[in-house]
Amino acid sequence: MNYEQRISKTDLARGTHRVIREAQRGYTVLVENHGQPEVAIVDIIDFQLQRAAIHYFSSTKEYERDLEISESMLEDLTDDQQRF
């Protein structure tokens, strides 16, 4: 199953609600201008996971391999992005 949709800027303007709903269902929606993708709309969870992965793999820090994450550790974090 293909989880990517391509739409024009005009279609986005006409169907913003539908596009957001599709992104929330797991689809990546590529918004195109003259056939070239300009932006991607993704679900917020996917976005936060992507940012966390980029941060992890681009950081020079050494991470503990066997670190166990507890609920109390998560409660100390201020927002969803830090939790991811």
PDB file of N, CA and C in Angstrom:
ATOM      1  N   MET A   1       0.849  -1.192   0.000  1.00  0.00           N
ATOM      2  CA  MET A   1       0.000   0.000   0.000  1.00  0.00           C
ATOM      3  C   MET A   1       0.881   1.238   0.000  1.00  0.00           C
ATOM      4  N   ASN A   2       0.570   2.196  -0.840  1.00  0.00           N
ATOM      5  CA  ASN A   2       1.342   3.432  -0.948  1.00  0.00           C
ATOM      6  C   ASN A   2       0.826   4.449   0.068  1.00  0.00           C
ATOM      7  N   TYR A   3       1.708   4.918   0.922  1.00  0.00           N
ATOM      8  CA  TYR A   3       1.315   5.864   1.964  1.00  0.00           C
ATOM      9  C   TYR A   3       1.746   7.282   1.614  1.00  0.00           C
ATOM     10  N   GLU A   4       1.780   7.577   0.334  1.00  0.00           N
ATOM     11  CA  GLU A   4       2.179   8.907  -0.103  1.00  0.00           C
ATOM     12  C   GLU A   4       1.150   9.419  -1.105  1.00  0.00           C
ATOM     13  N   GLN A   5       0.763  10.671  -0.918  1.00  0.00           N
ATOM     14  CA  GLN A   5      -0.161  11.296  -1.858  1.00  0.00           C
ATOM     15  C   GLN A   5       0.486  12.571  -2.377  1.00  0.00           C
ATOM     16  N   ARG A   6       0.211  12.898  -3.591  1.00  0.00           N
ATOM     17  CA  ARG A   6       0.714  14.137  -4.189  1.00  0.00           C
ATOM     18  C   ARG A   6      -0.470  15.003  -4.579  1.00  0.00           C
ATOM     19  N   ILE A   7      -0.398  16.254  -4.171  1.00  0.00           N
ATOM     20  CA  ILE A   7      -1.473  17.193  -4.508  1.00  0.00           C
ATOM     21  C   ILE A   7      -0.851  18.523  -4.912  1.00  0.00           C
ATOM     22  N   SER A   8      -1.636  19.334  -5.578  1.00  0.00           N
ATOM     23  CA  SER A   8      -1.182  20.677  -5.952  1.00  0.00           C
ATOM     24  C   SER A   8      -1.500  21.662  -4.821  1.00  0.00           C
ATOM     25  N   LYS A   9      -0.896  22.831  -4.905  1.00  0.00           N
ATOM     26  CA  LYS A   9      -1.195  23.877  -3.929  1.00  0.00           C
ATOM     27  C   LYS A   9      -2.680  24.238  -3.974  1.00  0.00           C
ATOM     28  N   THR A  10      -3.256  24.242  -5.171  1.00  0.00           N
ATOM     29  CA  THR A  10      -4.673  24.562  -5.329  1.00  0.00           C
ATOM     30  C   THR A  10      -5.538  23.537  -4.614  1.00  0.00           C
ATOM     31  N   ASP A  11      -5.188  22.240  -4.770  1.00  0.00           N
ATOM     32  CA  ASP A  11      -5.941  21.189  -4.075  1.00  0.00           C
ATOM     33  C   ASP A  11      -5.810  21.324  -2.565  1.00  0.00           C
ATOM     34  N   LEU A  12      -4.643  21.723  -2.100  1.00  0.00           N
ATOM     35  CA  LEU A  12      -4.454  21.937  -0.664  1.00  0.00           C
ATOM     36  C   LEU A  12      -5.363  23.059  -0.177  1.00  0.00           C
ATOM     37  N   ALA A  13      -5.421  24.147  -0.929  1.00  0.00           N
ATOM     38  CA  ALA A  13      -6.266  25.277  -0.538  1.00  0.00           C
ATOM     39  C   ALA A  13      -7.744  24.889  -0.520  1.00  0.00           C
ATOM     40  N   ARG A  14      -8.141  24.061  -1.465  1.00  0.00           N
ATOM     41  CA  ARG A  14      -9.555  23.672  -1.559  1.00  0.00           C
ATOM     42  C   ARG A  14      -9.934  22.594  -0.548  1.00  0.00           C
ATOM     43  N   GLY A  15      -8.980  21.772  -0.131  1.00  0.00           N
ATOM     44  CA  GLY A  15      -9.320  20.637   0.723  1.00  0.00           C
ATOM     45  C   GLY A  15      -8.394  20.481   1.918  1.00  0.00           C
ATOM     46  N   THR A  16      -8.092  21.587   2.568  1.00  0.00           N
ATOM     47  CA  THR A  16      -7.152  21.553   3.689  1.00  0.00           C
ATOM     48  C   THR A  16      -7.578  20.559   4.761  1.00  0.00           C
ATOM     49  N   HIS A  17      -8.837  20.558   5.115  1.00  0.00           N
ATOM     50  CA  HIS A  17      -9.329  19.646   6.147  1.00  0.00           C
ATOM     51  C   HIS A  17      -9.090  18.191   5.758  1.00  0.00           C
ATOM     52  N   ARG A  18      -9.390  17.849   4.521  1.00  0.00           N
ATOM     53  CA  ARG A  18      -9.193  16.482   4.031  1.00  0.00           C
ATOM     54  C   ARG A  18      -7.719  16.100   4.043  1.00  0.00           C
ATOM     55  N   VAL A  19      -6.858  17.011   3.637  1.00  0.00           N
ATOM     56  CA  VAL A  19      -5.419  16.744   3.599  1.00  0.00           C
ATOM     57  C   VAL A  19      -4.883  16.497   5.009  1.00  0.00           C
ATOM     58  N   ILE A  20      -5.292  17.306   5.950  1.00  0.00           N
ATOM     59  CA  ILE A  20      -4.859  17.124   7.341  1.00  0.00           C
ATOM     60  C   ILE A  20      -5.351  15.790   7.878  1.00  0.00           C
ATOM     61  N   ARG A  21      -6.569  15.444   7.573  1.00  0.00           N
ATOM     62  CA  ARG A  21      -7.130  14.163   8.026  1.00  0.00           C
ATOM     63  C   ARG A  21      -6.332  12.987   7.443  1.00  0.00           C
ATOM     64  N   GLU A  22      -5.954  13.087   6.184  1.00  0.00           N
ATOM     65  CA  GLU A  22      -5.159  12.026   5.552  1.00  0.00           C
ATOM     66  C   GLU A  22      -3.791  11.908   6.218  1.00  0.00           C
ATOM     67  N   ALA A  23      -3.165  13.026   6.535  1.00  0.00           N
ATOM     68  CA  ALA A  23      -1.868  13.000   7.215  1.00  0.00           C
ATOM     69  C   ALA A  23      -2.002  12.360   8.592  1.00  0.00           C
ATOM     70  N   GLN A  24      -3.089  12.653   9.285  1.00  0.00           N
ATOM     71  CA  GLN A  24      -3.316  12.057  10.602  1.00  0.00           C
ATOM     72  C   GLN A  24      -3.528  10.545  10.513  1.00  0.00           C
ATOM     73  N   ARG A  25      -3.936  10.077   9.363  1.00  0.00           N
ATOM     74  CA  ARG A  25      -4.153   8.632   9.154  1.00  0.00           C
ATOM     75  C   ARG A  25      -2.873   7.922   8.722  1.00  0.00           C
ATOM     76  N   GLY A  26      -1.765   8.658   8.639  1.00  0.00           N
ATOM     77  CA  GLY A  26      -0.488   8.022   8.323  1.00  0.00           C
ATOM     78  C   GLY A  26       0.039   8.280   6.930  1.00  0.00           C
ATOM     79  N   TYR A  27      -0.701   9.022   6.117  1.00  0.00           N
ATOM     80  CA  TYR A  27      -0.227   9.326   4.779  1.00  0.00           C
ATOM     81  C   TYR A  27       0.725  10.516   4.816  1.00  0.00           C
ATOM     82  N   THR A  28       1.741  10.479   3.964  1.00  0.00           N
ATOM     83  CA  THR A  28       2.570  11.650   3.720  1.00  0.00           C
ATOM     84  C   THR A  28       1.962  12.340   2.507  1.00  0.00           C
ATOM     85  N   VAL A  29       1.648  13.611   2.648  1.00  0.00           N
ATOM     86  CA  VAL A  29       1.044  14.371   1.555  1.00  0.00           C
ATOM     87  C   VAL A  29       2.094  15.338   1.035  1.00  0.00           C
ATOM     88  N   LEU A  30       2.506  15.130  -0.223  1.00  0.00           N
ATOM     89  CA  LEU A  30       3.459  16.028  -0.851  1.00  0.00           C
ATOM     90  C   LEU A  30       2.708  17.098  -1.613  1.00  0.00           C
ATOM     91  N   VAL A  31       2.994  18.349  -1.299  1.00  0.00           N
ATOM     92  CA  VAL A  31       2.349  19.470  -1.979  1.00  0.00           C
ATOM     93  C   VAL A  31       3.291  19.924  -3.084  1.00  0.00           C
ATOM     94  N   GLU A  32       2.772  19.912  -4.312  1.00  0.00           N
ATOM     95  CA  GLU A  32       3.593  20.212  -5.477  1.00  0.00           C
ATOM     96  C   GLU A  32       3.242  21.557  -6.094  1.00  0.00           C
ATOM     97  N   ASN A  33       4.234  22.120  -6.744  1.00  0.00           N
ATOM     98  CA  ASN A  33       4.060  23.329  -7.539  1.00  0.00           C
ATOM     99  C   ASN A  33       4.681  23.038  -8.903  1.00  0.00           C
ATOM    100  N   HIS A  34       3.868  23.032  -9.937  1.00  0.00           N
ATOM    101  CA  HIS A  34       4.298  22.699 -11.294  1.00  0.00           C
ATOM    102  C   HIS A  34       4.981  21.340 -11.336  1.00  0.00           C
ATOM    103  N   GLY A  35       4.424  20.362 -10.602  1.00  0.00           N
ATOM    104  CA  GLY A  35       4.932  19.003 -10.625  1.00  0.00           C
ATOM    105  C   GLY A  35       6.140  18.733  -9.742  1.00  0.00           C
ATOM    106  N   GLN A  36       6.643  19.760  -9.070  1.00  0.00           N
ATOM    107  CA  GLN A  36       7.803  19.583  -8.194  1.00  0.00           C
ATOM    108  C   GLN A  36       7.370  19.673  -6.734  1.00  0.00           C
ATOM    109  N   PRO A  37       7.736  18.688  -5.908  1.00  0.00           N
ATOM    110  CA  PRO A  37       7.352  18.741  -4.495  1.00  0.00           C
ATOM    111  C   PRO A  37       8.006  19.921  -3.776  1.00  0.00           C
ATOM    112  N   GLU A  38       7.216  20.631  -2.978  1.00  0.00           N
ATOM    113  CA  GLU A  38       7.724  21.776  -2.224  1.00  0.00           C
ATOM    114  C   GLU A  38       7.704  21.536  -0.724  1.00  0.00           C
ATOM    115  N   VAL A  39       6.653  20.897  -0.223  1.00  0.00           N
ATOM    116  CA  VAL A  39       6.545  20.606   1.206  1.00  0.00           C
ATOM    117  C   VAL A  39       5.877  19.249   1.385  1.00  0.00           C
ATOM    118  N   ALA A  40       6.111  18.673   2.561  1.00  0.00           N
ATOM    119  CA  ALA A  40       5.446  17.420   2.918  1.00  0.00           C
ATOM    120  C   ALA A  40       4.650  17.662   4.193  1.00  0.00           C
ATOM    121  N   ILE A  41       3.445  17.127   4.225  1.00  0.00           N
ATOM    122  CA  ILE A  41       2.604  17.213   5.415  1.00  0.00           C
ATOM    123  C   ILE A  41       2.534  15.804   5.995  1.00  0.00           C
ATOM    124  N   VAL A  42       2.955  15.685   7.265  1.00  0.00           N
ATOM    125  CA  VAL A  42       2.968  14.384   7.932  1.00  0.00           C
ATOM    126  C   VAL A  42       2.286  14.505   9.286  1.00  0.00           C
ATOM    127  N   ASP A  43       1.901  13.370   9.846  1.00  0.00           N
ATOM    128  CA  ASP A  43       1.322  13.317  11.183  1.00  0.00           C
ATOM    129  C   ASP A  43       2.337  13.819  12.201  1.00  0.00           C
ATOM    130  N   ILE A  44       1.886  14.436  13.267  1.00  0.00           N
ATOM    131  CA  ILE A  44       2.775  15.032  14.264  1.00  0.00           C
ATOM    132  C   ILE A  44       3.665  13.983  14.919  1.00  0.00           C
ATOM    133  N   ILE A  45       3.162  12.783  15.136  1.00  0.00           N
ATOM    134  CA  ILE A  45       3.980  11.718  15.733  1.00  0.00           C
ATOM    135  C   ILE A  45       5.130  11.360  14.791  1.00  0.00           C
ATOM    136  N   ASP A  46       4.842  11.216  13.496  1.00  0.00           N
ATOM    137  CA  ASP A  46       5.895  10.928  12.527  1.00  0.00           C
ATOM    138  C   ASP A  46       6.939  12.045  12.509  1.00  0.00           C
ATOM    139  N   PHE A  47       6.472  13.280  12.548  1.00  0.00           N
ATOM    140  CA  PHE A  47       7.369  14.428  12.558  1.00  0.00           C
ATOM    141  C   PHE A  47       8.292  14.397  13.774  1.00  0.00           C
ATOM    142  N   GLN A  48       7.715  14.149  14.953  1.00  0.00           N
ATOM    143  CA  GLN A  48       8.521  14.133  16.174  1.00  0.00           C
ATOM    144  C   GLN A  48       9.506  12.975  16.176  1.00  0.00           C
ATOM    145  N   LEU A  49       9.093  11.822  15.673  1.00  0.00           N
ATOM    146  CA  LEU A  49      10.009  10.687  15.584  1.00  0.00           C
ATOM    147  C   LEU A  49      11.153  10.972  14.609  1.00  0.00           C
ATOM    148  N   GLN A  50      10.850  11.608  13.500  1.00  0.00           N
ATOM    149  CA  GLN A  50      11.898  11.959  12.534  1.00  0.00           C
ATOM    150  C   GLN A  50      12.895  12.927  13.142  1.00  0.00           C
ATOM    151  N   ARG A  51      12.397  13.935  13.843  1.00  0.00           N
ATOM    152  CA  ARG A  51      13.298  14.897  14.487  1.00  0.00           C
ATOM    153  C   ARG A  51      14.154  14.232  15.546  1.00  0.00           C
ATOM    154  N   ALA A  52      13.573  13.312  16.317  1.00  0.00           N
ATOM    155  CA  ALA A  52      14.332  12.606  17.346  1.00  0.00           C
ATOM    156  C   ALA A  52      15.433  11.758  16.706  1.00  0.00           C
ATOM    157  N   ALA A  53      15.117  11.084  15.622  1.00  0.00           N
ATOM    158  CA  ALA A  53      16.120  10.259  14.939  1.00  0.00           C
ATOM    159  C   ALA A  53      17.238  11.122  14.364  1.00  0.00           C
ATOM    160  N   ILE A  54      16.882  12.239  13.760  1.00  0.00           N
ATOM    161  CA  ILE A  54      17.896  13.143  13.214  1.00  0.00           C
ATOM    162  C   ILE A  54      18.793  13.651  14.324  1.00  0.00           C
ATOM    163  N   HIS A  55      18.204  14.042  15.426  1.00  0.00           N
ATOM    164  CA  HIS A  55      18.985  14.535  16.563  1.00  0.00           C
ATOM    165  C   HIS A  55      19.921  13.438  17.082  1.00  0.00           C
ATOM    166  N   TYR A  56      19.400  12.239  17.226  1.00  0.00           N
ATOM    167  CA  TYR A  56      20.185  11.120  17.750  1.00  0.00           C
ATOM    168  C   TYR A  56      21.376  10.817  16.851  1.00  0.00           C
ATOM    169  N   PHE A  57      21.137  10.698  15.552  1.00  0.00           N
ATOM    170  CA  PHE A  57      22.196  10.293  14.642  1.00  0.00           C
ATOM    171  C   PHE A  57      23.156  11.421  14.278  1.00  0.00           C
ATOM    172  N   SER A  58      22.768  12.667  14.505  1.00  0.00           N
ATOM    173  CA  SER A  58      23.665  13.779  14.189  1.00  0.00           C
ATOM    174  C   SER A  58      24.425  14.278  15.403  1.00  0.00           C
ATOM    175  N   SER A  59      24.082  13.778  16.578  1.00  0.00           N
ATOM    176  CA  SER A  59      24.724  14.212  17.813  1.00  0.00           C
ATOM    177  C   SER A  59      26.045  13.477  18.004  1.00  0.00           C
ATOM    178  N   THR A  60      27.019  14.170  18.566  1.00  0.00           N
ATOM    179  CA  THR A  60      28.313  13.552  18.841  1.00  0.00           C
ATOM    180  C   THR A  60      28.351  12.924  20.227  1.00  0.00           C
ATOM    181  N   LYS A  61      27.261  13.026  20.957  1.00  0.00           N
ATOM    182  CA  LYS A  61      27.209  12.455  22.299  1.00  0.00           C
ATOM    183  C   LYS A  61      27.280  10.932  22.238  1.00  0.00           C
ATOM    184  N   GLU A  62      27.804  10.374  23.302  1.00  0.00           N
ATOM    185  CA  GLU A  62      27.772   8.922  23.461  1.00  0.00           C
ATOM    186  C   GLU A  62      26.532   8.583  24.282  1.00  0.00           C
ATOM    187  N   TYR A  63      25.668   7.762  23.730  1.00  0.00           N
ATOM    188  CA  TYR A  63      24.458   7.368  24.434  1.00  0.00           C
ATOM    189  C   TYR A  63      24.691   6.008  25.083  1.00  0.00           C
ATOM    190  N   GLU A  64      24.115   5.822  26.248  1.00  0.00           N
ATOM    191  CA  GLU A  64      24.197   4.536  26.914  1.00  0.00           C
ATOM    192  C   GLU A  64      23.348   3.534  26.143  1.00  0.00           C
ATOM    193  N   ARG A  65      23.935   2.413  25.810  1.00  0.00           N
ATOM    194  CA  ARG A  65      23.234   1.421  25.003  1.00  0.00           C
ATOM    195  C   ARG A  65      22.121   0.719  25.769  1.00  0.00           C
ATOM    196  N   ASP A  66      22.323   0.447  27.021  1.00  0.00           N
ATOM    197  CA  ASP A  66      21.353  -0.323  27.799  1.00  0.00           C
ATOM    198  C   ASP A  66      20.556   0.541  28.762  1.00  0.00           C
ATOM    199  N   LEU A  67      20.356   1.780  28.411  1.00  0.00           N
ATOM    200  CA  LEU A  67      19.617   2.695  29.271  1.00  0.00           C
ATOM    201  C   LEU A  67      18.141   2.300  29.292  1.00  0.00           C
ATOM    202  N   GLU A  68      17.593   2.152  30.476  1.00  0.00           N
ATOM    203  CA  GLU A  68      16.169   1.868  30.611  1.00  0.00           C
ATOM    204  C   GLU A  68      15.457   3.161  30.961  1.00  0.00           C
ATOM    205  N   ILE A  69      14.422   3.472  30.212  1.00  0.00           N
ATOM    206  CA  ILE A  69      13.688   4.716  30.408  1.00  0.00           C
ATOM    207  C   ILE A  69      12.506   4.442  31.328  1.00  0.00           C
ATOM    208  N   SER A  70      12.430   5.198  32.406  1.00  0.00           N
ATOM    209  CA  SER A  70      11.346   5.017  33.369  1.00  0.00           C
ATOM    210  C   SER A  70      10.300   6.118  33.193  1.00  0.00           C
ATOM    211  N   GLU A  71       9.137   5.891  33.754  1.00  0.00           N
ATOM    212  CA  GLU A  71       8.065   6.888  33.704  1.00  0.00           C
ATOM    213  C   GLU A  71       8.505   8.186  34.373  1.00  0.00           C
ATOM    214  N   SER A  72       9.257   8.081  35.464  1.00  0.00           N
ATOM    215  CA  SER A  72       9.695   9.295  36.173  1.00  0.00           C
ATOM    216  C   SER A  72      10.642  10.123  35.309  1.00  0.00           C
ATOM    217  N   MET A  73      11.443   9.473  34.482  1.00  0.00           N
ATOM    218  CA  MET A  73      12.324  10.212  33.568  1.00  0.00           C
ATOM    219  C   MET A  73      11.488  10.986  32.544  1.00  0.00           C
ATOM    220  N   LEU A  74      10.448  10.363  32.033  1.00  0.00           N
ATOM    221  CA  LEU A  74       9.594  11.005  31.031  1.00  0.00           C
ATOM    222  C   LEU A  74       8.799  12.164  31.622  1.00  0.00           C
ATOM    223  N   GLU A  75       8.390  12.038  32.879  1.00  0.00           N
ATOM    224  CA  GLU A  75       7.612  13.098  33.526  1.00  0.00           C
ATOM    225  C   GLU A  75       8.419  14.387  33.672  1.00  0.00           C
ATOM    226  N   ASP A  76       9.744  14.261  33.760  1.00  0.00           N
ATOM    227  CA  ASP A  76      10.602  15.432  33.927  1.00  0.00           C
ATOM    228  C   ASP A  76      10.809  16.215  32.624  1.00  0.00           C
ATOM    229  N   LEU A  77      10.450  15.620  31.497  1.00  0.00           N
ATOM    230  CA  LEU A  77      10.626  16.291  30.209  1.00  0.00           C
ATOM    231  C   LEU A  77       9.455  17.233  29.969  1.00  0.00           C
ATOM    232  N   THR A  78       9.743  18.387  29.370  1.00  0.00           N
ATOM    233  CA  THR A  78       8.749  19.457  29.302  1.00  0.00           C
ATOM    234  C   THR A  78       7.752  19.352  28.155  1.00  0.00           C
ATOM    235  N   ASP A  79       8.109  18.689  27.056  1.00  0.00           N
ATOM    236  CA  ASP A  79       7.163  18.633  25.934  1.00  0.00           C
ATOM    237  C   ASP A  79       7.298  17.322  25.176  1.00  0.00           C
ATOM    238  N   ASP A  80       6.378  17.084  24.251  1.00  0.00           N
ATOM    239  CA  ASP A  80       6.354  15.839  23.496  1.00  0.00           C
ATOM    240  C   ASP A  80       7.633  15.599  22.711  1.00  0.00           C
ATOM    241  N   GLN A  81       8.205  16.652  22.121  1.00  0.00           N
ATOM    242  CA  GLN A  81       9.414  16.464  21.316  1.00  0.00           C
ATOM    243  C   GLN A  81      10.550  15.904  22.162  1.00  0.00           C
ATOM    244  N   GLN A  82      10.709  16.401  23.389  1.00  0.00           N
ATOM    245  CA  GLN A  82      11.760  15.871  24.254  1.00  0.00           C
ATOM    246  C   GLN A  82      11.478  14.426  24.640  1.00  0.00           C
ATOM    247  N   ARG A  83      10.214  14.093  24.827  1.00  0.00           N
ATOM    248  CA  ARG A  83       9.868  12.712  25.192  1.00  0.00           C
ATOM    249  C   ARG A  83      10.220  11.741  24.072  1.00  0.00           C
ATOM    250  N   PHE A  84      10.036  12.155  22.826  1.00  0.00           N
ATOM    251  CA  PHE A  84      10.399  11.291  21.701  1.00  0.00           C
ATOM    252  C   PHE A  84      11.897  11.181  21.606  1.00  0.00           C
TER     253      PHE A  84
END
